[in-house]
Amino acid sequence: MSARVHTLANGVRVVADPMPGLSSLALSVVVRGGARWEAADENGYAHLLEHMVFKGAGDRGAQAIAEVIEAEGGQINAATGFERTSYQVRCLKQGMPLGLEVLSDLVLHPWLDPEELEREKQVIGQEIADAADTPDDRIFDLAQSAAFGEQALGRPILGTEASLQTADQARLAAFHRRLYAPDRIVVAAAGAVDEDALLAATEHLFGAALPQPELAPDVASLIGGTRCEVRKLEQAQLVWLCEGVGLSDPDYEAQRVFAEILGGGMASRLFQEVREKRGLAYAVDAYAASYEDVGVLGVYAGCAAKDARQAAALIAETLADLADQATETELQRAKAQGRAGLHFARESALGRAEQAAAQLLVFGRLIPIAESEARLADVSLADLRRVGARALAGRQSAAILGTKAASAAVKAFQRA
C-alpha cells in the first residue's frame, strides 16, 4: 500500500501511510517553521515556543498532557530545527484519536502562560549553558556562525539568554500565529493507520485554523569565515564547512554520495587516512547538510590539540584528492550505503511520517522510494568531480575549539 495525501480547505495537508502487519502507529504534526523564521531579536523563539506548548494547551495542563498519552502506553516528543518544528506521538492503533487531539492542542491552542514562560526561559538558559559546556555541541554552533554570520542560519537554535529575555506572552503569541499557519502544517501518520478515521479527525481538529499571510525566510548564503574559541580542554574540536547545495539542487544526491565516500563510515577516506593510518583523531567524519536553498559539505574531527594542525592539513588534502579522483569502487560502496539508508528509514513508522511531511513541505509532493533510488543510481564519477570542484571553489569556513595550540589548525585549513 502507498501513502495518500489529502488537503483540507484551509491548506493543512494530511498523509496516511499504512504499514501492514503493525499494531502501532506514529503521528507527526510538522510545521514549516523553525529558527530560520526568527528575526534577530527573536533568536530562540521557535525552540522556546516548542517548550511552551507542553506547559498547557487546550484543556490540559503540563502534567495532564504527559499523563494522558502515557496512560495509553504512548510516547510524546517534539523537536525544533532551522526549517521545521515537529510534534510526535507514538501509540497503539486505538490511540490515534487521543494522540491527534493532544497534538492539535499543542500546535493550535497553547496557553503560553506568562508565569510558565518566565520559568521556561530559565530552563532554556540552563540548556544554553550546558551546550556551551559541551565541546562537541559548541563546535557546531561556532561552525554555523562562521559560515552564515548574522543570518538566521548562523544563530543558535536555542537562542541566547539576552534574546530570550525579549520574549513575553504577546510577542510569543504573535510569533506562534504567523509561524503555525495551516498552510504550513502537515499531519502525517504511518503504521496501523485507518485513513478515513485519520482524515475525519484531522478535519475536525485542524479544519477551523485560520490562514495567515504567506511567510518566507530570508534567502541564505554561506559567507565564509573562521571562529576560534580558546579553552583549556584535553582535546580539540575542528569543523570545516565548504559551500554545498540545497535540497532542490540537481547535485543533492551527488553531494551526499561524496560525503559518504569522504567520511561516512569506517571504510571512508577520512576514517582510514586520519584515524586508522595516522592516528591523528579519535573521531572524524564528513556530512552533507542541505536546507531549502543552501547547503554545506562539512567535516568534523576531534583530536589532541598538538595534532590539530596536522589533522586539518590532512583533511583538506584528502578532500582535494577525492574531488580530483574518486574510484568506481568507492562510488558503488557509497551508493549501496545510500540505498540501504533509504530502506532502513522506511522500516520506522515515525521515520516515514516525518519524511513524508518534510517532502510535502519542501517539494509539495511525496517522492516514491523508486525515484530516490533512481536518482542515487544515476550519480556518476563525473558528478562527484563536479561536486568536489564546487566545494573547493566556493566559500569555506573553519571553527576550532581547544587550547591555543589547536588554533594553528585555522591556518592549516586556509593554506590547504
Protein backbone atom coordinates (compact mmCIF):
# COMPACT_ATOMS: atom_id res chain seq x y z
CA MET A 1 0.00 0.00 0.00
CA SER A 2 1.22 3.52 -0.75
CA ALA A 3 0.82 6.76 1.14
CA ARG A 4 -2.01 9.08 0.19
CA VAL A 5 -2.24 12.86 0.59
CA HIS A 6 -5.33 14.96 1.31
CA THR A 7 -5.53 18.75 1.60
CA LEU A 8 -8.07 20.50 3.83
CA ALA A 9 -9.79 23.68 2.69
CA ASN A 10 -7.51 25.84 4.89
CA GLY A 11 -4.31 24.29 3.48
CA VAL A 12 -3.48 21.69 6.13
CA ARG A 13 -2.16 18.58 4.40
CA VAL A 14 -2.79 15.06 5.67
CA VAL A 15 -0.71 11.97 4.87
CA ALA A 16 -1.85 8.41 5.58
CA ASP A 17 0.88 5.80 5.12
CA PRO A 18 -0.35 2.30 6.11
CA MET A 19 2.26 -0.31 7.06
CA PRO A 20 0.60 -3.76 7.04
CA GLY A 21 1.34 -6.01 10.00
CA LEU A 22 1.86 -3.25 12.56
CA SER A 23 -0.36 -2.76 15.62
CA SER A 24 1.10 0.69 16.40
CA LEU A 25 1.43 3.95 14.56
CA ALA A 26 3.34 7.21 14.58
CA LEU A 27 1.65 10.60 14.35
CA SER A 28 3.71 13.60 13.34
CA VAL A 29 2.48 17.17 13.05
CA VAL A 30 5.20 19.11 11.25
CA VAL A 31 5.33 22.87 10.76
CA ARG A 32 7.36 24.56 8.03
CA GLY A 33 8.90 26.93 10.52
CA GLY A 34 11.89 26.99 12.81
CA ALA A 35 14.84 29.15 13.69
CA ARG A 36 15.17 30.46 10.10
CA TRP A 37 11.92 32.39 10.53
CA GLU A 38 13.15 34.36 13.56
CA ALA A 39 14.19 38.00 13.47
CA ALA A 40 17.50 38.71 15.20
CA ASP A 41 15.74 39.84 18.39
CA GLU A 42 13.58 36.69 18.29
CA ASN A 43 16.51 34.27 18.28
CA GLY A 44 15.43 31.14 20.14
CA TYR A 45 11.68 31.83 19.90
CA ALA A 46 10.89 28.74 17.80
CA HIS A 47 12.56 26.45 20.33
CA LEU A 48 11.03 28.35 23.25
CA LEU A 49 7.60 28.01 21.67
CA GLU A 50 8.10 24.26 21.25
CA HIS A 51 8.82 24.04 25.00
CA MET A 52 5.97 26.31 26.00
CA VAL A 53 3.17 24.41 24.25
CA PHE A 54 3.82 21.50 26.63
CA LYS A 55 3.17 23.77 29.61
CA GLY A 56 -0.53 23.86 28.82
CA ALA A 57 -2.72 23.53 25.71
CA GLY A 58 -6.40 23.04 25.07
CA ASP A 59 -8.00 21.94 28.33
CA ARG A 60 -4.89 20.18 29.70
CA GLY A 61 -2.04 21.43 31.82
CA ALA A 62 1.56 20.23 31.56
CA GLN A 63 1.15 17.14 33.74
CA ALA A 64 -2.11 16.11 32.11
CA ILE A 65 -0.57 16.31 28.62
CA ALA A 66 2.10 13.79 29.58
CA GLU A 67 -0.17 11.58 31.69
CA VAL A 68 -2.99 11.23 29.18
CA ILE A 69 -0.62 9.94 26.47
CA GLU A 70 1.44 7.69 28.73
CA ALA A 71 -1.69 6.22 30.36
CA GLU A 72 -2.48 4.66 26.96
CA GLY A 73 1.06 3.34 26.51
CA GLY A 74 2.03 6.14 24.15
CA GLN A 75 5.07 8.41 23.89
CA ILE A 76 5.14 12.11 23.02
CA ASN A 77 8.05 14.26 21.88
CA ALA A 78 8.98 17.30 19.82
CA ALA A 79 11.97 18.81 18.02
CA THR A 80 12.92 22.21 16.61
CA GLY A 81 15.27 22.70 13.67
CA PHE A 82 16.22 25.59 11.44
CA GLU A 83 13.43 24.96 8.95
CA ARG A 84 10.88 22.68 10.63
CA THR A 85 9.33 22.04 14.03
CA SER A 86 7.72 18.64 14.64
CA TYR A 87 5.48 17.17 17.31
CA GLN A 88 5.22 13.39 17.51
CA VAL A 89 3.16 10.73 19.24
CA ARG A 90 3.82 7.01 19.03
CA CYS A 91 0.91 4.90 20.18
CA LEU A 92 -1.11 1.74 19.63
CA LYS A 93 -3.66 1.79 16.82
CA GLN A 94 -6.55 2.68 19.11
CA GLY A 95 -4.61 5.66 20.49
CA MET A 96 -4.81 7.66 17.24
CA PRO A 97 -7.82 9.89 18.12
CA LEU A 98 -6.39 10.87 21.51
CA GLY A 99 -2.87 11.36 20.16
CA LEU A 100 -4.06 13.61 17.36
CA GLU A 101 -6.26 15.59 19.74
CA VAL A 102 -3.32 16.30 22.03
CA LEU A 103 -1.07 17.25 19.11
CA SER A 104 -3.69 19.60 17.67
CA ASP A 105 -3.97 21.35 21.04
CA LEU A 106 -0.20 21.74 21.28
CA VAL A 107 0.06 23.22 17.79
CA LEU A 108 -3.11 25.31 17.67
CA HIS A 109 -4.21 26.05 21.24
CA PRO A 110 -1.21 26.61 23.57
CA TRP A 111 -1.78 28.64 26.73
CA LEU A 112 1.59 30.48 26.75
CA ASP A 113 1.09 31.31 30.42
CA PRO A 114 3.31 34.27 31.49
CA GLU A 115 4.49 32.64 34.74
CA GLU A 116 5.37 29.40 32.95
CA LEU A 117 7.13 31.44 30.29
CA GLU A 118 9.48 33.03 32.81
CA ARG A 119 10.26 29.63 34.34
CA GLU A 120 10.88 28.06 30.94
CA LYS A 121 13.27 30.84 29.94
CA GLN A 122 15.33 29.90 32.99
CA VAL A 123 15.25 26.22 31.99
CA ILE A 124 16.40 27.01 28.45
CA GLY A 125 19.09 29.25 29.90
CA GLN A 126 20.44 26.14 31.63
CA GLU A 127 20.20 24.25 28.33
CA ILE A 128 22.20 27.01 26.63
CA ALA A 129 24.85 26.82 29.36
CA ASP A 130 25.01 23.04 29.04
CA ALA A 131 25.52 23.27 25.27
CA ALA A 132 28.28 25.84 25.80
CA ASP A 133 29.97 23.47 28.27
CA THR A 134 29.78 20.53 25.84
CA PRO A 135 32.62 20.87 23.31
CA ASP A 136 31.13 18.62 20.63
CA ASP A 137 27.92 20.67 20.76
CA ARG A 138 29.57 24.08 21.00
CA ILE A 139 31.79 23.47 17.97
CA PHE A 140 28.81 23.16 15.63
CA ASP A 141 27.30 26.43 16.86
CA LEU A 142 30.66 28.06 16.17
CA ALA A 143 30.78 26.49 12.71
CA GLN A 144 27.28 27.71 11.81
CA SER A 145 28.21 31.19 12.98
CA ALA A 146 31.40 31.15 10.94
CA ALA A 147 29.55 30.00 7.83
CA PHE A 148 26.43 32.18 7.97
CA GLY A 149 27.32 35.10 10.24
CA GLU A 150 24.36 37.25 11.29
CA GLN A 151 21.88 35.35 9.11
CA ALA A 152 19.28 33.21 10.86
CA LEU A 153 21.22 30.06 9.90
CA GLY A 154 24.22 31.48 11.75
CA ARG A 155 22.40 31.92 15.04
CA PRO A 156 21.95 29.10 17.60
CA ILE A 157 18.59 27.33 17.57
CA LEU A 158 18.49 27.60 21.37
CA GLY A 159 18.91 31.38 21.18
CA THR A 160 20.82 33.35 23.77
CA GLU A 161 19.88 34.42 27.26
CA ALA A 162 19.68 38.02 26.03
CA SER A 163 17.40 37.25 23.06
CA LEU A 164 15.09 35.09 25.17
CA GLN A 165 14.58 37.92 27.62
CA THR A 166 12.66 39.82 24.92
CA ALA A 167 10.01 37.09 24.85
CA ASP A 168 6.75 37.84 26.61
CA GLN A 169 3.30 36.33 26.14
CA ALA A 170 2.22 38.84 23.49
CA ARG A 171 5.36 38.53 21.36
CA LEU A 172 5.42 34.74 21.58
CA ALA A 173 1.71 34.52 20.74
CA ALA A 174 2.23 36.72 17.67
CA PHE A 175 5.20 34.57 16.62
CA HIS A 176 3.04 31.46 17.08
CA ARG A 177 0.19 32.83 14.94
CA ARG A 178 2.34 33.70 11.96
CA LEU A 179 4.55 30.59 12.12
CA TYR A 180 1.94 27.90 12.77
CA ALA A 181 -0.39 28.85 9.91
CA PRO A 182 -2.48 25.96 8.49
CA ASP A 183 -0.91 26.02 5.03
CA ARG A 184 2.45 25.42 6.73
CA ILE A 185 1.25 22.30 8.61
CA VAL A 186 1.37 18.64 7.61
CA VAL A 187 -0.33 15.93 9.68
CA ALA A 188 1.31 12.60 8.85
CA ALA A 189 0.54 9.14 10.19
CA ALA A 190 2.35 5.90 9.40
CA GLY A 191 1.83 2.36 10.66
CA ALA A 192 -1.56 0.93 11.66
CA VAL A 193 -3.43 3.83 10.05
CA ASP A 194 -7.14 4.00 9.29
CA GLU A 195 -7.10 6.58 6.50
CA ASP A 196 -10.77 7.57 6.77
CA ALA A 197 -10.58 7.96 10.54
CA LEU A 198 -7.39 10.00 10.27
CA LEU A 199 -8.86 12.34 7.67
CA ALA A 200 -12.09 12.84 9.64
CA ALA A 201 -10.21 13.52 12.89
CA THR A 202 -7.83 15.97 11.20
CA GLU A 203 -10.72 17.83 9.56
CA HIS A 204 -12.43 18.12 12.95
CA LEU A 205 -9.33 19.20 14.89
CA PHE A 206 -7.41 21.30 12.33
CA GLY A 207 -10.08 22.39 9.85
CA ALA A 208 -11.03 25.61 11.65
CA ALA A 209 -7.48 27.01 11.80
CA LEU A 210 -7.38 30.38 10.04
CA PRO A 211 -4.98 31.09 7.14
CA GLN A 212 -2.25 33.67 7.70
CA PRO A 213 -0.22 35.86 5.30
CA GLU A 214 2.47 33.96 3.42
CA LEU A 215 5.76 33.87 5.32
CA ALA A 216 9.12 33.11 3.72
CA PRO A 217 12.58 33.09 5.27
CA ASP A 218 15.35 35.38 4.06
CA VAL A 219 17.49 33.93 1.29
CA ALA A 220 20.59 32.40 2.86
CA SER A 221 24.17 32.28 1.61
CA LEU A 222 27.39 30.95 3.04
CA ILE A 223 29.63 33.94 3.68
CA GLY A 224 32.75 32.13 4.92
CA GLY A 225 34.91 32.94 7.89
CA THR A 226 36.53 31.43 10.95
CA ARG A 227 35.69 31.08 14.63
CA CYS A 228 38.38 30.12 17.11
CA GLU A 229 37.48 29.69 20.78
CA VAL A 230 40.40 29.08 23.10
CA ARG A 231 39.71 26.87 26.13
CA LYS A 232 41.75 24.65 28.39
CA LEU A 233 40.48 21.32 27.08
CA GLU A 234 42.12 17.94 26.79
CA GLN A 235 41.03 17.61 23.16
CA ALA A 236 40.48 19.96 20.23
CA GLN A 237 37.29 20.10 18.17
CA LEU A 238 37.52 21.02 14.48
CA VAL A 239 34.81 21.67 11.89
CA TRP A 240 35.42 22.70 8.31
CA LEU A 241 32.46 23.72 6.14
CA CYS A 242 32.52 24.07 2.36
CA GLU A 243 29.74 25.67 0.34
CA GLY A 244 27.26 22.97 -0.61
CA VAL A 245 23.89 22.59 -2.31
CA GLY A 246 20.26 22.95 -1.24
CA LEU A 247 17.56 20.30 -1.17
CA SER A 248 16.30 21.05 -4.68
CA ASP A 249 19.70 21.29 -6.36
CA PRO A 250 20.39 18.68 -9.08
CA ASP A 251 23.64 17.82 -7.28
CA TYR A 252 21.90 16.97 -3.99
CA GLU A 253 22.32 13.19 -4.35
CA ALA A 254 25.89 13.54 -5.65
CA GLN A 255 26.84 15.66 -2.64
CA ARG A 256 25.50 13.00 -0.26
CA VAL A 257 27.47 10.30 -2.08
CA PHE A 258 30.59 12.49 -1.99
CA ALA A 259 30.22 13.00 1.78
CA GLU A 260 29.77 9.26 2.29
CA ILE A 261 33.00 8.45 0.45
CA LEU A 262 34.85 11.25 2.22
CA GLY A 263 33.85 10.44 5.79
CA GLY A 264 30.63 8.48 6.07
CA GLY A 265 31.84 5.27 7.65
CA MET A 266 34.79 3.13 8.67
CA ALA A 267 35.72 2.49 5.05
CA SER A 268 35.71 6.21 4.21
CA ARG A 269 38.84 8.07 3.21
CA LEU A 270 38.95 10.30 6.27
CA PHE A 271 38.48 7.44 8.73
CA GLN A 272 41.18 5.40 7.07
CA GLU A 273 43.69 8.21 6.44
CA VAL A 274 43.25 10.43 9.51
CA ARG A 275 42.29 7.92 12.19
CA GLU A 276 43.48 4.47 11.20
CA LYS A 277 46.73 5.13 9.30
CA ARG A 278 47.93 8.29 11.07
CA GLY A 279 46.17 8.16 14.44
CA LEU A 280 45.59 11.92 14.32
CA ALA A 281 41.97 11.92 15.52
CA TYR A 282 39.80 9.81 17.79
CA ALA A 283 36.74 10.83 15.74
CA VAL A 284 36.45 12.10 12.18
CA ASP A 285 33.55 12.17 9.77
CA ALA A 286 32.01 14.11 6.90
CA TYR A 287 28.42 15.09 6.33
CA ALA A 288 26.18 16.93 3.88
CA ALA A 289 23.62 19.31 5.42
CA SER A 290 21.09 20.77 3.00
CA TYR A 291 18.46 23.42 3.65
CA GLU A 292 15.76 24.64 1.28
CA ASP A 293 18.04 26.98 -0.66
CA VAL A 294 21.60 26.38 0.51
CA GLY A 295 23.78 23.66 1.96
CA VAL A 296 27.17 22.77 3.36
CA LEU A 297 29.64 19.94 2.99
CA GLY A 298 31.13 19.54 6.44
CA VAL A 299 33.97 17.69 8.15
CA TYR A 300 34.23 17.18 11.91
CA ALA A 301 37.28 15.95 13.80
CA GLY A 302 38.11 15.50 17.47
CA CYS A 303 41.82 15.22 18.22
CA ALA A 304 44.66 16.12 20.55
CA ALA A 305 45.50 19.83 20.41
CA LYS A 306 49.06 19.07 19.32
CA ASP A 307 47.73 17.15 16.30
CA ALA A 308 45.12 19.73 15.22
CA ARG A 309 47.29 21.47 12.62
CA GLN A 310 48.41 18.22 11.01
CA ALA A 311 44.91 16.76 11.09
CA ALA A 312 43.46 19.87 9.46
CA ALA A 313 46.01 19.77 6.66
CA LEU A 314 45.40 16.05 6.04
CA ILE A 315 41.61 16.57 6.00
CA ALA A 316 41.96 19.27 3.35
CA GLU A 317 44.39 17.16 1.35
CA THR A 318 42.03 14.17 1.48
CA LEU A 319 39.07 16.25 0.34
CA ALA A 320 41.05 17.72 -2.55
CA ASP A 321 42.24 14.26 -3.63
CA LEU A 322 38.68 12.94 -3.61
CA ALA A 323 37.46 15.96 -5.57
CA ASP A 324 40.10 15.18 -8.18
CA GLN A 325 39.52 11.47 -8.46
CA ALA A 326 37.05 9.15 -6.75
CA THR A 327 37.12 5.49 -7.69
CA GLU A 328 34.37 3.31 -9.11
CA THR A 329 34.69 1.03 -6.08
CA GLU A 330 34.13 3.95 -3.71
CA LEU A 331 31.19 5.16 -5.77
CA GLN A 332 29.43 1.79 -5.70
CA ARG A 333 30.03 1.33 -1.98
CA ALA A 334 28.59 4.78 -1.22
CA LYS A 335 25.57 4.09 -3.41
CA ALA A 336 24.99 0.82 -1.57
CA GLN A 337 25.08 2.70 1.74
CA GLY A 338 22.68 5.32 0.41
CA ARG A 339 20.25 2.74 -0.91
CA ALA A 340 20.32 0.82 2.37
CA GLY A 341 19.69 4.05 4.26
CA LEU A 342 16.58 4.71 2.16
CA HIS A 343 15.16 1.31 3.06
CA PHE A 344 16.22 1.42 6.72
CA ALA A 345 14.34 4.70 7.10
CA ARG A 346 11.22 3.13 5.59
CA GLU A 347 11.15 0.49 8.34
CA SER A 348 10.41 3.10 11.03
CA ALA A 349 6.83 4.38 11.26
CA LEU A 350 7.98 7.66 12.78
CA GLY A 351 10.72 7.99 10.15
CA ARG A 352 8.18 7.52 7.38
CA ALA A 353 5.76 10.05 8.84
CA GLU A 354 8.48 12.68 9.32
CA GLN A 355 9.93 12.06 5.87
CA ALA A 356 6.53 12.37 4.19
CA ALA A 357 5.83 15.64 5.99
CA ALA A 358 9.23 17.07 5.05
CA GLN A 359 8.78 16.13 1.39
CA LEU A 360 5.39 17.81 1.21
CA LEU A 361 6.65 20.96 2.88
CA VAL A 362 9.77 21.24 0.70
CA PHE A 363 8.72 19.75 -2.65
CA GLY A 364 4.94 19.85 -2.49
CA ARG A 365 4.65 16.11 -3.17
CA LEU A 366 5.67 12.69 -1.88
CA ILE A 367 8.74 11.21 -3.54
CA PRO A 368 8.47 7.46 -4.25
CA ILE A 369 11.41 5.42 -2.99
CA ALA A 370 11.94 4.12 -6.54
CA GLU A 371 12.52 7.69 -7.71
CA SER A 372 15.05 8.31 -4.92
CA GLU A 373 16.83 5.07 -5.79
CA ALA A 374 16.95 6.02 -9.46
CA ARG A 375 18.48 9.42 -8.72
CA LEU A 376 21.05 7.76 -6.48
CA ALA A 377 21.87 5.16 -9.12
CA ASP A 378 22.44 7.92 -11.71
CA VAL A 379 25.27 9.55 -9.73
CA SER A 380 28.49 9.21 -11.71
CA LEU A 381 32.20 9.81 -11.14
CA ALA A 382 31.84 12.98 -13.21
CA ASP A 383 29.12 14.16 -10.82
CA LEU A 384 31.44 13.61 -7.87
CA ARG A 385 34.22 15.60 -9.53
CA ARG A 386 31.78 18.45 -10.15
CA VAL A 387 30.54 18.41 -6.55
CA GLY A 388 34.11 18.36 -5.26
CA ALA A 389 35.10 21.23 -7.52
CA ARG A 390 32.10 23.26 -6.35
CA ALA A 391 33.04 22.67 -2.72
CA LEU A 392 36.65 23.70 -3.21
CA ALA A 393 35.82 26.72 -5.36
CA GLY A 394 33.10 28.06 -3.10
CA ARG A 395 33.33 29.89 0.20
CA GLN A 396 34.65 27.90 3.15
CA SER A 397 34.56 28.23 6.93
CA ALA A 398 36.53 26.80 9.82
CA ALA A 399 35.75 26.52 13.51
CA ILE A 400 38.26 25.48 16.18
CA LEU A 401 37.61 24.84 19.88
CA GLY A 402 40.52 23.98 22.14
CA THR A 403 43.80 25.24 23.52
CA LYS A 404 45.86 27.94 21.86
CA ALA A 405 47.98 25.27 20.21
CA ALA A 406 44.89 23.96 18.39
CA SER A 407 44.27 27.34 16.76
CA ALA A 408 47.11 26.60 14.33
CA ALA A 409 44.60 24.40 12.53
CA VAL A 410 42.90 27.53 11.15
CA LYS A 411 45.92 28.47 9.05
CA ALA A 412 46.35 24.85 8.02
CA PHE A 413 42.77 24.83 6.72
CA GLN A 414 43.27 28.13 4.93
CA ARG A 415 46.56 27.17 3.29
CA ALA A 416 45.17 23.84 2.16
